[in-house]
């Protein structure tokens, strides 16, 4: 796996972990929104770049 694949998978894991952390009471709503925004943007950038890179 290259760096973009790893970044994509880790950011997707962060997108899935944020709601769980909020549900468990580990994050407040404002922090949850910020974390989800950052991981979502990271996922869109990493996954799109990974998908359209020239091999």
C-alpha atoms as a PDB file:
ATOM      1  CA  UNK A   1       0.000   0.000   0.000  1.00  0.00           C
ATOM      2  CA  UNK A   2       1.233   3.446  -0.770  1.00  0.00           C
ATOM      3  CA  UNK A   3       0.944   6.563   1.359  1.00  0.00           C
ATOM      4  CA  UNK A   4      -2.343   7.711  -0.197  1.00  0.00           C
ATOM      5  CA  UNK A   5      -3.973   4.357   0.462  1.00  0.00           C
ATOM      6  CA  UNK A   6      -2.874   4.407   4.088  1.00  0.00           C
ATOM      7  CA  UNK A   7      -4.067   8.000   4.527  1.00  0.00           C
ATOM      8  CA  UNK A   8      -7.395   7.125   2.932  1.00  0.00           C
ATOM      9  CA  UNK A   9      -7.986   4.112   5.175  1.00  0.00           C
ATOM     10  CA  UNK A  10      -6.924   5.962   8.330  1.00  0.00           C
ATOM     11  CA  UNK A  11      -9.110   8.958   7.579  1.00  0.00           C
ATOM     12  CA  UNK A  12     -12.066   6.671   6.877  1.00  0.00           C
ATOM     13  CA  UNK A  13     -11.433   4.961  10.210  1.00  0.00           C
ATOM     14  CA  UNK A  14     -11.431   8.398  11.839  1.00  0.00           C
ATOM     15  CA  UNK A  15     -14.772   9.174  10.174  1.00  0.00           C
ATOM     16  CA  UNK A  16     -16.185   5.997  11.672  1.00  0.00           C
ATOM     17  CA  UNK A  17     -14.600   6.479  15.100  1.00  0.00           C
ATOM     18  CA  UNK A  18     -15.844  10.051  15.606  1.00  0.00           C
ATOM     19  CA  UNK A  19     -19.559   9.187  15.922  1.00  0.00           C
ATOM     20  CA  UNK A  20     -18.742   6.287  18.213  1.00  0.00           C
ATOM     21  CA  UNK A  21     -16.686   8.565  20.449  1.00  0.00           C
ATOM     22  CA  UNK A  22     -19.521  11.099  20.519  1.00  0.00           C
ATOM     23  CA  UNK A  23     -22.059   8.391  21.356  1.00  0.00           C
ATOM     24  CA  UNK A  24     -19.878   7.174  24.220  1.00  0.00           C
ATOM     25  CA  UNK A  25     -19.622  10.722  25.555  1.00  0.00           C
ATOM     26  CA  UNK A  26     -15.919  11.125  24.832  1.00  0.00           C
ATOM     27  CA  UNK A  27     -16.474  14.127  22.541  1.00  0.00           C
ATOM     28  CA  UNK A  28     -18.671  17.184  22.850  1.00  0.00           C
ATOM     29  CA  UNK A  29     -20.793  18.169  19.879  1.00  0.00           C
ATOM     30  CA  UNK A  30     -18.522  20.994  18.682  1.00  0.00           C
ATOM     31  CA  UNK A  31     -15.427  18.796  18.895  1.00  0.00           C
ATOM     32  CA  UNK A  32     -17.282  15.975  17.138  1.00  0.00           C
ATOM     33  CA  UNK A  33     -18.190  18.263  14.260  1.00  0.00           C
ATOM     34  CA  UNK A  34     -14.631  19.522  13.889  1.00  0.00           C
ATOM     35  CA  UNK A  35     -13.125  16.031  14.007  1.00  0.00           C
ATOM     36  CA  UNK A  36     -15.617  14.693  11.486  1.00  0.00           C
ATOM     37  CA  UNK A  37     -15.001  17.654   9.171  1.00  0.00           C
ATOM     38  CA  UNK A  38     -11.224  17.191   9.241  1.00  0.00           C
ATOM     39  CA  UNK A  39     -11.374  13.434   8.680  1.00  0.00           C
ATOM     40  CA  UNK A  40     -13.993  13.799   5.941  1.00  0.00           C
ATOM     41  CA  UNK A  41     -11.917  16.345   4.050  1.00  0.00           C
ATOM     42  CA  UNK A  42      -8.824  14.196   4.479  1.00  0.00           C
ATOM     43  CA  UNK A  43     -10.684  11.162   3.160  1.00  0.00           C
ATOM     44  CA  UNK A  44     -12.054  12.964   0.109  1.00  0.00           C
ATOM     45  CA  UNK A  45      -8.628  14.357  -0.793  1.00  0.00           C
ATOM     46  CA  UNK A  46      -6.688  11.135  -0.160  1.00  0.00           C
ATOM     47  CA  UNK A  47      -9.193   8.763  -1.756  1.00  0.00           C
ATOM     48  CA  UNK A  48      -9.742  10.949  -4.829  1.00  0.00           C
ATOM     49  CA  UNK A  49      -6.035  11.477  -5.354  1.00  0.00           C
ATOM     50  CA  UNK A  50      -5.396   7.772  -4.862  1.00  0.00           C
ATOM     51  CA  UNK A  51      -8.154   6.828  -7.321  1.00  0.00           C
ATOM     52  CA  UNK A  52      -7.024   9.186 -10.069  1.00  0.00           C
ATOM     53  CA  UNK A  53      -3.256   8.868  -9.777  1.00  0.00           C
ATOM     54  CA  UNK A  54      -1.356   7.725 -12.839  1.00  0.00           C
ATOM     55  CA  UNK A  55       0.180   4.302 -12.432  1.00  0.00           C
END
